[in-house]
C-alpha atoms as a PDB file:
ATOM      1  CA  GLN A   1      -8.393 -16.758   7.501  1.00  0.00           C
ATOM      2  CA  VAL A   2      -5.203 -15.230   8.814  1.00  0.00           C
ATOM      3  CA  GLN A   3      -4.915 -13.344  12.085  1.00  0.00           C
ATOM      4  CA  LEU A   4      -2.150 -10.767  12.480  1.00  0.00           C
ATOM      5  CA  VAL A   5      -0.925  -9.138  15.678  1.00  0.00           C
ATOM      6  CA  GLU A   6       1.724  -6.411  15.670  1.00  0.00           C
ATOM      7  CA  SER A   7       4.057  -5.528  18.505  1.00  0.00           C
ATOM      8  CA  GLY A   8       7.156  -3.470  19.159  1.00  0.00           C
ATOM      9  CA  GLY A   9       6.149   0.121  18.451  1.00  0.00           C
ATOM     10  CA  GLY A  10       6.946   3.095  20.621  1.00  0.00           C
ATOM     11  CA  LEU A  11       8.621   6.472  20.947  1.00  0.00           C
ATOM     12  CA  VAL A  12      12.225   6.851  19.775  1.00  0.00           C
ATOM     13  CA  GLN A  13      14.639   9.644  18.890  1.00  0.00           C
ATOM     14  CA  VAL A  14      15.852  10.622  15.450  1.00  0.00           C
ATOM     15  CA  GLY A  15      18.522   8.187  14.303  1.00  0.00           C
ATOM     16  CA  ASP A  16      17.405   5.421  16.630  1.00  0.00           C
ATOM     17  CA  SER A  17      16.371   1.905  15.642  1.00  0.00           C
ATOM     18  CA  LEU A  18      13.175   0.028  16.333  1.00  0.00           C
ATOM     19  CA  SER A  19      11.931  -3.439  15.424  1.00  0.00           C
ATOM     20  CA  LEU A  20       8.314  -4.325  14.750  1.00  0.00           C
ATOM     21  CA  SER A  21       6.956  -7.859  14.860  1.00  0.00           C
ATOM     22  CA  CYS A  22       3.849  -9.342  13.291  1.00  0.00           C
ATOM     23  CA  ALA A  23       2.702 -12.726  14.553  1.00  0.00           C
ATOM     24  CA  ALA A  24       0.532 -14.626  12.084  1.00  0.00           C
ATOM     25  CA  SER A  25      -1.855 -17.478  12.750  1.00  0.00           C
ATOM     26  CA  GLY A  26      -4.512 -19.321  10.803  1.00  0.00           C
ATOM     27  CA  ARG A  27      -4.164 -20.901   7.374  1.00  0.00           C
ATOM     28  CA  THR A  28      -0.948 -22.285   5.929  1.00  0.00           C
ATOM     29  CA  PHE A  29       1.213 -19.559   4.485  1.00  0.00           C
ATOM     30  CA  SER A  30       2.876 -20.968   1.380  1.00  0.00           C
ATOM     31  CA  ASN A  31       1.435 -18.352  -1.062  1.00  0.00           C
ATOM     32  CA  LEU A  32       1.203 -15.555   1.451  1.00  0.00           C
ATOM     33  CA  VAL A  33       2.796 -12.165   0.971  1.00  0.00           C
ATOM     34  CA  MET A  34       3.298 -10.252   4.201  1.00  0.00           C
ATOM     35  CA  GLY A  35       3.485  -6.500   3.992  1.00  0.00           C
ATOM     36  CA  TRP A  36       4.017  -3.493   6.226  1.00  0.00           C
ATOM     37  CA  PHE A  37       2.099  -0.311   5.553  1.00  0.00           C
ATOM     38  CA  ARG A  38       1.968   2.938   7.478  1.00  0.00           C
ATOM     39  CA  GLN A  39      -0.404   5.841   7.849  1.00  0.00           C
ATOM     40  CA  ALA A  40       0.491   9.232   9.239  1.00  0.00           C
ATOM     41  CA  PRO A  41      -2.187  11.672  10.454  1.00  0.00           C
ATOM     42  CA  GLY A  42      -3.969  13.280   7.533  1.00  0.00           C
ATOM     43  CA  LYS A  43      -2.190  11.108   4.975  1.00  0.00           C
ATOM     44  CA  GLU A  44      -3.056   8.075   2.896  1.00  0.00           C
ATOM     45  CA  ARG A  45      -1.895   4.648   3.944  1.00  0.00           C
ATOM     46  CA  GLU A  46       1.388   3.914   2.184  1.00  0.00           C
ATOM     47  CA  PHE A  47       3.385   0.824   1.371  1.00  0.00           C
ATOM     48  CA  VAL A  48       6.584   0.271   3.348  1.00  0.00           C
ATOM     49  CA  ALA A  49       7.893  -3.225   2.606  1.00  0.00           C
ATOM     50  CA  ALA A  50       6.732  -6.743   1.841  1.00  0.00           C
ATOM     51  CA  ILE A  51       8.085 -10.272   1.750  1.00  0.00           C
ATOM     52  CA  ARG A  52       6.919 -13.533   0.239  1.00  0.00           C
ATOM     53  CA  TRP A  53       6.491 -16.186   2.892  1.00  0.00           C
ATOM     54  CA  SER A  54       7.931 -18.826   0.573  1.00  0.00           C
ATOM     55  CA  GLY A  55      11.268 -17.873  -0.923  1.00  0.00           C
ATOM     56  CA  ALA A  56      11.619 -14.613   1.021  1.00  0.00           C
ATOM     57  CA  SER A  57      11.617 -12.231  -1.950  1.00  0.00           C
ATOM     58  CA  THR A  58      11.344  -8.644  -0.721  1.00  0.00           C
ATOM     59  CA  VAL A  59      10.208  -5.244  -1.991  1.00  0.00           C
ATOM     60  CA  TYR A  60      10.717  -1.852  -0.334  1.00  0.00           C
ATOM     61  CA  ALA A  61       9.372   1.640  -0.746  1.00  0.00           C
ATOM     62  CA  ASP A  62      12.042   4.050  -1.953  1.00  0.00           C
ATOM     63  CA  SER A  63      11.635   6.127   1.202  1.00  0.00           C
ATOM     64  CA  VAL A  64      12.833   3.292   3.435  1.00  0.00           C
ATOM     65  CA  LYS A  65      15.233   1.430   1.157  1.00  0.00           C
ATOM     66  CA  GLY A  66      18.587   0.991   2.865  1.00  0.00           C
ATOM     67  CA  ARG A  67      17.166   1.845   6.304  1.00  0.00           C
ATOM     68  CA  PHE A  68      14.435  -0.765   6.851  1.00  0.00           C
ATOM     69  CA  THR A  69      14.709  -4.540   6.551  1.00  0.00           C
ATOM     70  CA  ILE A  70      11.817  -6.958   6.386  1.00  0.00           C
ATOM     71  CA  SER A  71      12.332 -10.594   7.301  1.00  0.00           C
ATOM     72  CA  ARG A  72      10.334 -13.597   8.431  1.00  0.00           C
ATOM     73  CA  ASP A  73      10.821 -16.516  10.764  1.00  0.00           C
ATOM     74  CA  THR A  74       8.810 -19.443   9.440  1.00  0.00           C
ATOM     75  CA  ALA A  75       9.259 -21.439  12.646  1.00  0.00           C
ATOM     76  CA  LYS A  76       7.662 -18.634  14.666  1.00  0.00           C
ATOM     77  CA  ASN A  77       5.152 -17.563  11.973  1.00  0.00           C
ATOM     78  CA  THR A  78       6.401 -14.030  12.504  1.00  0.00           C
ATOM     79  CA  VAL A  79       7.397 -11.195  10.185  1.00  0.00           C
ATOM     80  CA  TYR A  80       9.750  -8.472  11.350  1.00  0.00           C
ATOM     81  CA  LEU A  81      10.442  -4.924  10.255  1.00  0.00           C
ATOM     82  CA  GLN A  82      13.807  -3.668  11.444  1.00  0.00           C
ATOM     83  CA  MET A  83      13.867   0.113  11.188  1.00  0.00           C
ATOM     84  CA  ASN A  84      17.198   1.932  11.427  1.00  0.00           C
ATOM     85  CA  SER A  85      18.166   5.589  11.118  1.00  0.00           C
ATOM     86  CA  LEU A  86      14.643   6.634  11.926  1.00  0.00           C
ATOM     87  CA  LYS A  87      13.423  10.058  10.834  1.00  0.00           C
ATOM     88  CA  PRO A  88      10.508  12.215  12.024  1.00  0.00           C
ATOM     89  CA  GLU A  89       8.731  11.458   8.742  1.00  0.00           C
ATOM     90  CA  ASP A  90       8.669   7.765   9.709  1.00  0.00           C
ATOM     91  CA  THR A  91       6.163   8.655  12.426  1.00  0.00           C
ATOM     92  CA  ALA A  92       2.933   6.796  11.692  1.00  0.00           C
ATOM     93  CA  VAL A  93       0.698   3.926  12.655  1.00  0.00           C
ATOM     94  CA  TYR A  94       2.269   0.824  11.159  1.00  0.00           C
ATOM     95  CA  TYR A  95       0.098  -2.032   9.936  1.00  0.00           C
ATOM     96  CA  CYS A  96       0.978  -5.596   9.132  1.00  0.00           C
ATOM     97  CA  ALA A  97      -1.015  -7.083   6.244  1.00  0.00           C
ATOM     98  CA  GLY A  98      -1.411 -10.357   4.377  1.00  0.00           C
ATOM     99  CA  ASP A  99      -2.127 -11.007   0.689  1.00  0.00           C
ATOM    100  CA  TRP A 100      -2.648 -14.397  -0.950  1.00  0.00           C
ATOM    101  CA  ARG A 101      -0.684 -14.229  -4.180  1.00  0.00           C
ATOM    102  CA  VAL A 102       0.866 -17.030  -6.239  1.00  0.00           C
ATOM    103  CA  VAL A 103       3.529 -14.827  -7.823  1.00  0.00           C
ATOM    104  CA  GLY A 104       4.939 -11.386  -7.238  1.00  0.00           C
ATOM    105  CA  ILE A 105       4.452  -8.837  -4.486  1.00  0.00           C
ATOM    106  CA  SER A 106       1.853  -6.086  -4.468  1.00  0.00           C
ATOM    107  CA  LYS A 107       2.430  -2.604  -3.086  1.00  0.00           C
ATOM    108  CA  THR A 108      -1.286  -1.791  -3.210  1.00  0.00           C
ATOM    109  CA  SER A 109      -3.084  -1.831   0.110  1.00  0.00           C
ATOM    110  CA  THR A 110      -6.391  -2.886  -1.406  1.00  0.00           C
ATOM    111  CA  ASP A 111      -4.802  -6.147  -2.564  1.00  0.00           C
ATOM    112  CA  TYR A 112      -4.222  -7.156   1.048  1.00  0.00           C
ATOM    113  CA  ASN A 113      -7.061  -9.042   2.682  1.00  0.00           C
ATOM    114  CA  TYR A 114      -5.805  -9.398   6.230  1.00  0.00           C
ATOM    115  CA  TRP A 115      -4.730  -6.605   8.540  1.00  0.00           C
ATOM    116  CA  GLY A 116      -3.391  -6.224  12.022  1.00  0.00           C
ATOM    117  CA  GLN A 117      -4.712  -3.653  14.451  1.00  0.00           C
ATOM    118  CA  GLY A 118      -1.867  -1.212  13.852  1.00  0.00           C
ATOM    119  CA  ILE A 119       0.864   0.015  16.145  1.00  0.00           C
ATOM    120  CA  GLN A 120       2.167   3.522  16.741  1.00  0.00           C
ATOM    121  CA  VAL A 121       5.734   4.510  15.920  1.00  0.00           C
ATOM    122  CA  THR A 122       6.762   8.026  16.895  1.00  0.00           C
ATOM    123  CA  VAL A 123      10.148   9.487  16.026  1.00  0.00           C
ATOM    124  CA  SER A 124      10.931  12.567  18.026  1.00  0.00           C
ATOM    125  CA  SER A 125      13.423  15.232  17.029  1.00  0.00           C
END
């Protein structure tokens, strides 16, 4: 089992930056992929970014590429999502998720077995 707790959301202005954190606890993480997803009101949950715990390979959604950066701190068992140049369309509940996977990174939410409680990010114009 893996427990995930997000923090760092809030209300920001267009163009601002915000950093989300996801603290993980539980099993060892060597084959764990950590992902960020988001869900806006009335929309499906969508993939944002993901990182392999071992080796730090990353994948991004096209909509955030160049603006968002995912990283992890193995000493703190924490994954971060640095969000820059925020836009109103980035407004959503952001979820941290975990997927046990030997190779590769999935962008499909149903592949992820562990989820945080979600945290609100609102970008105001």
